[in-house]
Amino acid sequence: MEVDIRPVTAALWPAFEDLFGRQGACYGCWCTHYRNAPSVRRENNRQRNKDQIRERIEAGPPPGLLAFEDGLAIGWMQVGPRADIPEWNNPGRGSAPLDPADAADPAVWAISCFFIRNKARGRGLTHRLVSGGIDFARQNGARFLEACPMDLSRDSRSVGLYVGSSRVFEKAGFERVAERKAGRPLMRLAL
């Protein structure tokens, strides 16, 4: 599989929209879950989520990476400063920062979500996206890159794997730094 990884920009919105489909991936989330407080998530619908992520992409800087194969977007990974995904910093989450100051530190980044087109799953695409995310974070001055993946899943095609598999991050050199919820380690890579 020959894959081209690119930061998502306004010019790539049509490819992002096509990848997420009419339903907006993951039950209409449009990768806004960690951007909104629970009260906002309850009030939002697919269209509001879509509008929100489109505005965020158009405003820049790129909030993630798209993977392309033969000109078709086949995968997405949300990656950027922790401050861009405030709910990921919530103290009650397994993804909460080790140091509360990290939540606002522009040099502490996070990989929070993946979405892979059905036909592209099970082919190692998340490994390629994580590798691209490491390069992207380094190029943009990140000091640390974190993730809060799942240890186990019965099915590699599970929608629950939107956070990624810890095996993928271990292979990329991330280390476990905390585990506040069973099977959901906070992992970190020093850049």
Protein backbone atom coordinates (compact mmCIF):
# COMPACT_ATOMS: atom_id res chain seq x y z
CA MET A 1 0.00 0.00 0.00
CA GLU A 2 1.48 3.32 -1.10
CA VAL A 3 0.12 6.04 1.16
CA ASP A 4 0.54 9.81 1.14
CA ILE A 5 0.05 11.50 4.54
CA ARG A 6 -0.93 15.19 4.48
CA PRO A 7 -2.02 17.78 7.06
CA VAL A 8 -5.71 18.55 6.54
CA THR A 9 -6.33 22.04 5.21
CA ALA A 10 -9.34 23.90 3.81
CA ALA A 11 -8.33 22.75 0.32
CA LEU A 12 -8.63 19.12 1.49
CA TRP A 13 -12.10 19.56 3.02
CA PRO A 14 -13.81 17.65 0.16
CA ALA A 15 -11.54 14.64 0.79
CA PHE A 16 -12.16 14.80 4.55
CA GLU A 17 -15.93 15.09 3.98
CA ASP A 18 -15.89 12.13 1.60
CA LEU A 19 -13.92 10.00 4.08
CA PHE A 20 -16.34 10.72 6.92
CA GLY A 21 -19.37 10.09 4.72
CA ARG A 22 -22.96 11.19 5.14
CA GLN A 23 -23.14 9.91 8.71
CA GLY A 24 -20.03 11.81 9.80
CA ALA A 25 -18.06 8.82 11.10
CA CYS A 26 -18.54 7.40 14.58
CA TYR A 27 -22.26 8.16 14.83
CA GLY A 28 -22.00 11.71 13.51
CA CYS A 29 -19.14 12.84 15.74
CA TRP A 30 -17.08 14.39 12.92
CA CYS A 31 -14.12 14.16 15.34
CA THR A 32 -15.53 16.80 17.69
CA HIS A 33 -16.00 14.62 20.79
CA TYR A 34 -12.90 15.87 22.60
CA ARG A 35 -13.50 19.45 21.46
CA ASN A 36 -16.84 19.85 23.27
CA ALA A 37 -18.07 19.63 26.84
CA PRO A 38 -20.68 16.90 27.44
CA SER A 39 -23.50 19.47 27.57
CA VAL A 40 -22.54 20.77 24.11
CA ARG A 41 -22.23 17.23 22.74
CA ARG A 42 -25.77 16.46 23.92
CA GLU A 43 -27.13 19.58 22.18
CA ASN A 44 -25.15 19.12 18.97
CA ASN A 45 -26.24 17.04 16.02
CA ARG A 46 -24.35 15.69 13.01
CA GLN A 47 -24.69 18.92 11.07
CA ARG A 48 -23.45 21.12 13.93
CA ASN A 49 -20.51 18.77 14.47
CA LYS A 50 -19.71 18.86 10.74
CA ASP A 51 -19.92 22.66 10.67
CA GLN A 52 -17.69 22.90 13.73
CA ILE A 53 -14.91 20.72 12.34
CA ARG A 54 -15.11 22.43 8.96
CA GLU A 55 -14.69 25.84 10.63
CA ARG A 56 -11.77 24.47 12.65
CA ILE A 57 -10.07 23.06 9.55
CA GLU A 58 -10.63 26.27 7.60
CA ALA A 59 -9.27 28.41 10.47
CA GLY A 60 -6.04 26.35 10.67
CA PRO A 61 -3.53 25.29 11.69
CA PRO A 62 -4.26 21.73 10.55
CA PRO A 63 -5.91 19.74 13.37
CA GLY A 64 -4.85 16.40 11.95
CA LEU A 65 -3.61 14.30 9.09
CA LEU A 66 -5.28 12.59 6.16
CA ALA A 67 -3.90 9.44 4.55
CA PHE A 68 -4.43 9.11 0.79
CA GLU A 69 -4.15 6.10 -1.47
CA ASP A 70 -4.55 6.64 -5.22
CA GLY A 71 -5.96 10.13 -4.55
CA LEU A 72 -8.67 8.87 -2.17
CA ALA A 73 -8.64 9.78 1.54
CA ILE A 74 -8.59 6.46 3.39
CA GLY A 75 -7.67 7.54 6.92
CA TRP A 76 -7.68 10.37 9.43
CA MET A 77 -5.81 11.04 12.65
CA GLN A 78 -6.50 14.00 14.93
CA VAL A 79 -3.17 15.32 16.20
CA GLY A 80 -2.20 18.67 17.67
CA PRO A 81 -1.66 20.59 20.89
CA ARG A 82 -3.63 19.34 23.88
CA ALA A 83 -5.25 22.78 24.18
CA ASP A 84 -7.05 22.16 20.85
CA ILE A 85 -9.01 19.25 22.39
CA PRO A 86 -10.00 20.55 25.84
CA GLU A 87 -12.11 17.55 26.89
CA TRP A 88 -9.08 15.30 26.45
CA ASN A 89 -7.58 17.25 29.38
CA ASN A 90 -10.53 16.68 31.71
CA PRO A 91 -9.17 15.46 35.08
CA GLY A 92 -11.69 12.61 35.13
CA ARG A 93 -10.38 11.07 31.90
CA GLY A 94 -7.62 8.54 31.45
CA SER A 95 -6.11 11.02 28.99
CA ALA A 96 -5.76 13.81 31.61
CA PRO A 97 -2.30 15.37 31.55
CA LEU A 98 0.37 14.24 34.02
CA ASP A 99 1.01 17.89 34.88
CA PRO A 100 -2.08 20.14 34.68
CA ALA A 101 0.07 22.82 33.00
CA ASP A 102 0.52 20.46 30.02
CA ALA A 103 -3.11 21.12 29.03
CA ALA A 104 -2.21 24.64 27.91
CA ASP A 105 1.41 24.04 26.86
CA PRO A 106 1.63 24.42 23.06
CA ALA A 107 4.58 21.99 23.04
CA VAL A 108 2.57 19.08 24.53
CA TRP A 109 0.62 17.41 21.75
CA ALA A 110 -1.87 14.57 21.59
CA ILE A 111 -3.10 11.97 19.14
CA SER A 112 -6.72 11.58 20.17
CA CYS A 113 -8.70 9.96 17.33
CA PHE A 114 -8.49 7.84 14.21
CA PHE A 115 -10.97 7.09 11.49
CA ILE A 116 -10.09 4.54 8.81
CA ARG A 117 -12.21 3.77 5.75
CA ASN A 118 -13.63 0.23 6.08
CA LYS A 119 -11.75 -1.13 3.06
CA ALA A 120 -8.43 0.21 4.40
CA ARG A 121 -8.67 -1.33 7.88
CA GLY A 122 -6.33 -4.09 8.96
CA ARG A 123 -3.55 -2.97 6.59
CA GLY A 124 -1.28 -1.08 9.00
CA LEU A 125 -2.58 2.39 8.20
CA THR A 126 -2.65 3.55 11.82
CA HIS A 127 1.08 2.80 12.05
CA ARG A 128 1.69 5.06 9.06
CA LEU A 129 -0.52 7.80 10.49
CA VAL A 130 1.26 7.68 13.87
CA SER A 131 4.63 7.90 12.11
CA GLY A 132 3.37 10.89 10.12
CA GLY A 133 2.00 12.43 13.33
CA ILE A 134 5.38 12.14 15.03
CA ASP A 135 7.02 13.98 12.12
CA PHE A 136 4.23 16.58 12.03
CA ALA A 137 4.51 17.23 15.78
CA ARG A 138 8.30 17.58 15.60
CA GLN A 139 8.08 19.98 12.65
CA ASN A 140 5.68 22.14 14.66
CA GLY A 141 7.76 22.38 17.83
CA ALA A 142 6.14 19.72 20.01
CA ARG A 143 8.22 18.52 22.95
CA PHE A 144 5.96 15.58 23.86
CA LEU A 145 3.37 13.60 21.93
CA GLU A 146 0.78 11.67 23.93
CA ALA A 147 -2.01 9.17 23.28
CA CYS A 148 -4.54 7.23 25.38
CA PRO A 149 -5.21 4.09 23.31
CA MET A 150 -6.88 0.76 24.11
CA ASP A 151 -4.93 -2.31 25.17
CA LEU A 152 -7.39 -4.91 23.97
CA SER A 153 -10.15 -5.22 21.44
CA ARG A 154 -11.92 -8.33 20.25
CA ASP A 155 -12.08 -6.98 16.72
CA SER A 156 -9.50 -4.93 14.82
CA ARG A 157 -12.43 -3.32 13.00
CA SER A 158 -14.11 -2.16 16.24
CA VAL A 159 -15.36 1.44 16.21
CA GLY A 160 -14.05 1.60 19.80
CA LEU A 161 -10.54 1.61 18.36
CA TYR A 162 -11.03 5.25 17.33
CA VAL A 163 -8.42 5.97 20.05
CA GLY A 164 -5.96 3.51 18.55
CA SER A 165 -4.32 0.36 19.86
CA SER A 166 -1.55 0.56 22.45
CA ARG A 167 0.46 -1.93 20.32
CA VAL A 168 0.69 0.66 17.53
CA PHE A 169 2.04 3.29 19.91
CA GLU A 170 4.46 0.87 21.58
CA LYS A 171 5.93 0.03 18.17
CA ALA A 172 6.38 3.76 17.53
CA GLY A 173 8.38 4.16 20.75
CA PHE A 174 5.73 5.58 23.09
CA GLU A 175 6.05 4.69 26.78
CA ARG A 176 3.29 4.10 29.29
CA VAL A 177 3.33 6.93 31.82
CA ALA A 178 0.01 6.36 33.64
CA GLU A 179 -3.00 4.07 33.64
CA ARG A 180 -5.98 5.64 35.38
CA LYS A 181 -8.51 3.40 33.64
CA ALA A 182 -7.90 -0.30 33.09
CA GLY A 183 -6.78 -1.02 29.55
CA ARG A 184 -6.43 2.68 28.62
CA PRO A 185 -2.82 3.75 29.30
CA LEU A 186 -1.66 7.32 28.85
CA MET A 187 1.37 6.97 26.60
CA ARG A 188 4.07 9.52 25.81
CA LEU A 189 6.84 9.98 23.30
CA ALA A 190 9.56 12.56 24.03
CA LEU A 191 10.41 14.40 20.83
